[in-house]
Amino acid sequence: MNLLPLPAFSDNYIWMMHDAHNAIVVDPGDADAVFGVLRSQGLTLAAILVTHHHGDHVGGVEDLHAGTGARVYGPAHETMPEPIQRLQGGDVVEELGLQFQVIDVPGHTAGHIAYFCPDLNGTPVLFCGDTLFSGGCGRLFEGTPAQMQHSLDALAALPGDTRVCCAHEYTLSNLKFARAVEPTNTDLLKYQQDCIALRDEDKPTLPSLLSTERAINPFLRTRESGVAHAAKAFDASVNPNDAVSVLAALREWKNGFR
């Protein structure tokens, strides 16, 4: 089973899995990007998985469904293109011999879901939309810091060898911020250097590994003393012993970080 990031817009990735005959795509904001690969590789689109309602994730769903008849899956509690099979945490989708476990991850949007595949070519894969990015997390457009902390905790608890398939190439900007939070984190410095090298060759930084994210991503490290005290240095009202308070400050800091 091949796993491909299809570039779309300025920095989106539409993730595709295919077995050389049939394909699944995740968050197809741009139908043309998907149709082009289907044609060039002679693939039939079997299913579409959607994590949340934002246009750069659902914009191509209607055209793809109309053109291929692919089954469409998405969150139960968000406005979605129809027809769609609605999902919530604990549900399971089975397509092309793969199993996708649905995880509720509100925060970026109110009804955001993620898809965890325990075994794709022998290792697990996570499609997390805009909840978790390499080195960062999504903005809190509809949810609360408490919801995002709970969602990130749920994702961080997955196996360390999970390949993290985020929906945007935000890695370098996220790592610049992460270095401001943890300037002495040697794992973070090494990862930043590796990612710069990849982007210099116009290669994606994704997927990353969850074990790497746990070591370098400040939004997964809100209980680490260095991260907590950096958040308090940014906002004196932060309780460094409260992960939600730390995350809220980090997110506000990141929102204005340049």
Protein backbone atom coordinates (compact mmCIF):
# COMPACT_ATOMS: atom_id res chain seq x y z
CA MET A 1 0.00 0.00 0.00
CA ASN A 2 1.56 3.27 -1.13
CA LEU A 3 1.26 6.39 1.06
CA LEU A 4 1.60 9.69 -0.81
CA PRO A 5 1.25 13.37 0.16
CA LEU A 6 -0.37 15.22 -2.75
CA PRO A 7 0.49 18.96 -2.61
CA ALA A 8 -2.48 21.32 -2.86
CA PHE A 9 -2.90 25.11 -2.60
CA SER A 10 0.12 26.80 -0.99
CA ASP A 11 0.89 24.36 1.82
CA ASN A 12 -1.80 21.63 2.09
CA TYR A 13 -1.24 17.91 1.75
CA ILE A 14 -4.00 15.58 0.58
CA TRP A 15 -2.94 12.13 1.76
CA MET A 16 -3.49 9.22 -0.62
CA MET A 17 -3.18 5.50 0.00
CA HIS A 18 -3.29 3.18 -2.99
CA ASP A 19 -2.51 -0.44 -3.89
CA ALA A 20 -1.81 0.34 -7.57
CA HIS A 21 -5.49 -0.27 -8.36
CA ASN A 22 -7.71 1.46 -5.79
CA ALA A 23 -7.15 4.53 -3.64
CA ILE A 24 -8.29 6.33 -0.50
CA VAL A 25 -7.75 10.06 0.02
CA VAL A 26 -7.86 12.14 3.18
CA ASP A 27 -9.08 15.76 3.27
CA PRO A 28 -9.23 16.48 -0.48
CA GLY A 29 -9.63 20.24 -0.57
CA ASP A 30 -8.71 20.28 -4.27
CA ALA A 31 -10.37 17.72 -6.55
CA ASP A 32 -8.03 18.44 -9.48
CA ALA A 33 -4.97 17.37 -7.49
CA VAL A 34 -6.61 14.00 -6.83
CA PHE A 35 -8.06 13.50 -10.32
CA GLY A 36 -4.63 14.12 -11.81
CA VAL A 37 -3.03 11.28 -9.82
CA LEU A 38 -5.98 8.95 -10.41
CA ARG A 39 -5.59 9.45 -14.17
CA SER A 40 -1.80 9.30 -14.30
CA GLN A 41 -1.60 6.10 -12.24
CA GLY A 42 -4.79 4.42 -13.45
CA LEU A 43 -6.41 4.33 -10.01
CA THR A 44 -10.03 4.03 -8.92
CA LEU A 45 -11.02 6.16 -5.92
CA ALA A 46 -12.78 3.94 -3.38
CA ALA A 47 -13.15 6.22 -0.35
CA ILE A 48 -12.70 9.75 0.99
CA LEU A 49 -11.93 10.41 4.66
CA VAL A 50 -12.58 13.92 6.02
CA THR A 51 -11.36 15.26 9.38
CA HIS A 52 -13.20 18.61 9.62
CA HIS A 53 -15.31 21.11 7.73
CA HIS A 54 -12.82 23.76 6.58
CA GLY A 55 -12.89 24.45 2.86
CA ASP A 56 -9.27 23.50 2.21
CA HIS A 57 -10.18 20.01 3.46
CA VAL A 58 -13.63 19.47 1.92
CA GLY A 59 -13.55 21.66 -1.20
CA GLY A 60 -13.00 18.76 -3.60
CA VAL A 61 -15.30 16.21 -1.97
CA GLU A 62 -18.44 16.85 -4.03
CA ASP A 63 -16.63 16.74 -7.38
CA LEU A 64 -14.67 13.64 -6.43
CA HIS A 65 -17.80 11.83 -5.25
CA ALA A 66 -19.70 12.85 -8.37
CA GLY A 67 -16.86 11.78 -10.64
CA THR A 68 -15.96 8.49 -8.97
CA GLY A 69 -18.81 7.37 -6.71
CA ALA A 70 -16.30 7.05 -3.85
CA ARG A 71 -17.72 6.52 -0.38
CA VAL A 72 -17.34 9.60 1.84
CA TYR A 73 -16.74 9.56 5.60
CA GLY A 74 -16.59 12.54 7.94
CA PRO A 75 -17.33 13.96 11.38
CA ALA A 76 -20.78 13.50 12.86
CA HIS A 77 -21.13 16.99 14.29
CA GLU A 78 -19.94 19.31 11.53
CA THR A 79 -21.52 20.64 8.34
CA MET A 80 -20.31 18.32 5.59
CA PRO A 81 -20.94 17.76 1.87
CA GLU A 82 -23.62 15.12 1.35
CA PRO A 83 -23.92 12.18 0.98
CA ILE A 84 -21.58 11.23 3.80
CA GLN A 85 -21.28 8.52 6.43
CA ARG A 86 -20.97 10.36 9.72
CA LEU A 87 -18.45 9.20 12.33
CA GLN A 88 -17.49 9.85 15.93
CA GLY A 89 -14.90 8.59 18.36
CA GLY A 90 -14.92 4.80 18.69
CA ASP A 91 -16.24 4.16 15.18
CA VAL A 92 -14.20 2.08 12.75
CA VAL A 93 -13.95 2.43 8.97
CA GLU A 94 -12.74 -0.50 6.87
CA GLU A 95 -11.59 0.21 3.32
CA LEU A 96 -9.17 -1.62 0.99
CA GLY A 97 -8.25 -4.06 3.74
CA LEU A 98 -7.28 -1.24 6.11
CA GLN A 99 -8.91 -0.39 9.42
CA PHE A 100 -9.27 3.24 10.48
CA GLN A 101 -10.14 3.91 14.12
CA VAL A 102 -11.91 7.23 14.65
CA ILE A 103 -10.73 9.53 17.47
CA ASP A 104 -12.61 12.65 18.59
CA VAL A 105 -10.11 15.55 18.62
CA PRO A 106 -12.02 18.84 19.10
CA GLY A 107 -10.09 22.06 19.49
CA HIS A 108 -9.26 23.40 16.03
CA THR A 109 -12.94 22.91 15.19
CA ALA A 110 -15.73 21.72 17.44
CA GLY A 111 -16.26 18.34 15.77
CA HIS A 112 -12.80 17.52 14.41
CA ILE A 113 -11.95 13.81 14.15
CA ALA A 114 -8.75 11.90 13.38
CA TYR A 115 -8.20 8.51 11.76
CA PHE A 116 -5.73 6.02 13.22
CA CYS A 117 -4.73 3.02 11.09
CA PRO A 118 -2.91 0.48 13.32
CA ASP A 119 -1.24 -1.31 10.41
CA LEU A 120 -0.33 0.16 7.04
CA ASN A 121 2.59 -1.81 5.62
CA GLY A 122 3.49 -2.98 9.11
CA THR A 123 3.43 0.32 10.99
CA PRO A 124 0.65 2.57 12.31
CA VAL A 125 -0.43 5.78 10.63
CA LEU A 126 -2.36 8.78 11.96
CA PHE A 127 -4.32 11.22 9.81
CA CYS A 128 -4.82 14.13 12.18
CA GLY A 129 -6.00 16.96 9.92
CA ASP A 130 -5.26 20.30 11.59
CA THR A 131 -5.18 19.10 15.21
CA LEU A 132 -1.53 18.08 15.38
CA PHE A 133 1.23 19.45 13.16
CA SER A 134 4.88 18.55 13.21
CA GLY A 135 6.23 20.83 15.91
CA GLY A 136 2.86 22.47 16.51
CA CYS A 137 -0.92 22.25 16.76
CA GLY A 138 -3.89 23.89 15.09
CA ARG A 139 -5.32 27.26 16.02
CA LEU A 140 -8.30 27.17 18.36
CA PHE A 141 -10.98 28.48 16.00
CA GLU A 142 -13.96 26.78 17.66
CA GLY A 143 -12.67 24.75 20.61
CA THR A 144 -11.08 25.50 23.96
CA PRO A 145 -7.56 24.99 25.32
CA ALA A 146 -8.93 22.21 27.54
CA GLN A 147 -10.39 20.41 24.54
CA MET A 148 -7.15 20.76 22.58
CA GLN A 149 -5.08 19.50 25.51
CA HIS A 150 -7.35 16.46 25.83
CA SER A 151 -7.18 15.83 22.08
CA LEU A 152 -3.39 16.10 21.97
CA ASP A 153 -3.10 13.80 24.99
CA ALA A 154 -5.18 11.21 23.13
CA LEU A 155 -2.93 11.41 20.07
CA ALA A 156 0.27 11.42 22.13
CA ALA A 157 -0.81 8.14 23.73
CA LEU A 158 -0.65 6.31 20.39
CA PRO A 159 2.39 4.10 19.62
CA GLY A 160 5.67 5.95 19.15
CA ASP A 161 6.27 4.47 15.68
CA THR A 162 3.03 6.00 14.40
CA ARG A 163 3.59 8.00 11.21
CA VAL A 164 1.94 11.38 11.70
CA CYS A 165 0.27 12.59 8.49
CA CYS A 166 -0.60 16.24 9.08
CA ALA A 167 -2.52 18.28 6.54
CA HIS A 168 -0.11 21.22 6.16
CA GLU A 169 3.58 21.83 5.54
CA TYR A 170 3.98 24.12 8.54
CA THR A 171 6.97 22.32 10.00
CA LEU A 172 9.76 24.89 9.63
CA SER A 173 7.71 27.77 11.05
CA ASN A 174 6.53 25.55 13.90
CA LEU A 175 10.08 24.50 14.72
CA LYS A 176 11.24 28.11 14.79
CA PHE A 177 8.65 28.70 17.49
CA ALA A 178 9.52 25.47 19.30
CA ARG A 179 13.17 26.58 19.47
CA ALA A 180 12.02 29.81 21.14
CA VAL A 181 10.19 27.72 23.74
CA GLU A 182 12.96 25.14 24.27
CA PRO A 183 16.25 26.58 22.98
CA THR A 184 18.35 23.88 24.68
CA ASN A 185 16.39 20.87 23.36
CA THR A 186 19.03 18.98 21.36
CA ASP A 187 16.47 16.61 19.80
CA LEU A 188 14.62 19.66 18.52
CA LEU A 189 17.77 21.23 17.04
CA LYS A 190 18.67 18.02 15.21
CA TYR A 191 15.13 17.62 13.87
CA GLN A 192 15.05 21.23 12.70
CA GLN A 193 18.30 20.72 10.79
CA ASP A 194 16.92 17.56 9.17
CA CYS A 195 13.71 19.32 8.15
CA ILE A 196 15.56 22.31 6.70
CA ALA A 197 17.59 19.89 4.58
CA LEU A 198 14.41 18.22 3.31
CA ARG A 199 12.76 21.51 2.37
CA ASP A 200 15.96 22.70 0.67
CA GLU A 201 15.48 19.70 -1.63
CA ASP A 202 11.77 20.52 -2.03
CA LYS A 203 10.82 17.34 -0.17
CA PRO A 204 8.00 17.11 2.40
CA THR A 205 8.90 16.98 6.08
CA LEU A 206 5.96 14.63 6.60
CA PRO A 207 5.04 12.15 7.80
CA SER A 208 6.87 12.62 11.06
CA LEU A 209 6.99 10.05 13.86
CA LEU A 210 4.95 10.39 17.02
CA SER A 211 8.02 9.54 19.11
CA THR A 212 9.76 12.50 17.50
CA GLU A 213 6.80 14.79 18.16
CA ARG A 214 6.76 13.80 21.82
CA ALA A 215 10.43 14.83 22.03
CA ILE A 216 10.25 18.14 20.13
CA ASN A 217 6.69 19.49 19.94
CA PRO A 218 5.98 21.99 22.74
CA PHE A 219 2.23 21.37 22.47
CA LEU A 220 2.82 17.72 23.39
CA ARG A 221 5.24 18.78 26.15
CA THR A 222 3.04 21.08 28.24
CA ARG A 223 3.90 19.08 31.38
CA GLU A 224 7.65 19.49 30.88
CA SER A 225 9.05 22.04 33.33
CA GLY A 226 11.08 23.89 30.69
CA VAL A 227 8.05 24.33 28.45
CA ALA A 228 5.83 25.35 31.36
CA HIS A 229 8.27 27.97 32.60
CA ALA A 230 8.74 29.36 29.09
CA ALA A 231 4.96 29.77 28.88
CA LYS A 232 4.96 31.54 32.24
CA ALA A 233 7.72 33.86 31.05
CA PHE A 234 5.44 34.80 28.16
CA ASP A 235 2.34 35.18 30.39
CA ALA A 236 2.85 35.66 34.11
CA SER A 237 -0.69 34.42 34.85
CA VAL A 238 0.16 30.88 33.68
CA ASN A 239 0.00 28.09 36.24
CA PRO A 240 3.06 26.00 35.29
CA ASN A 241 1.52 22.96 36.99
CA ASP A 242 -1.60 23.09 34.80
CA ALA A 243 -1.10 21.71 31.30
CA VAL A 244 -4.20 23.49 29.98
CA SER A 245 -2.95 26.84 31.25
CA VAL A 246 0.43 26.19 29.63
CA LEU A 247 -1.15 25.16 26.31
CA ALA A 248 -3.39 28.24 26.25
CA ALA A 249 -0.37 30.51 26.71
CA LEU A 250 1.68 28.64 24.10
CA ARG A 251 -1.12 28.95 21.57
CA GLU A 252 -1.48 32.70 22.20
CA TRP A 253 2.28 33.10 21.94
CA LYS A 254 2.41 31.14 18.70
CA ASN A 255 -0.49 33.13 17.21
CA GLY A 256 1.63 36.29 17.27
CA PHE A 257 5.05 34.71 16.76
CA ARG A 258 7.14 35.80 13.78
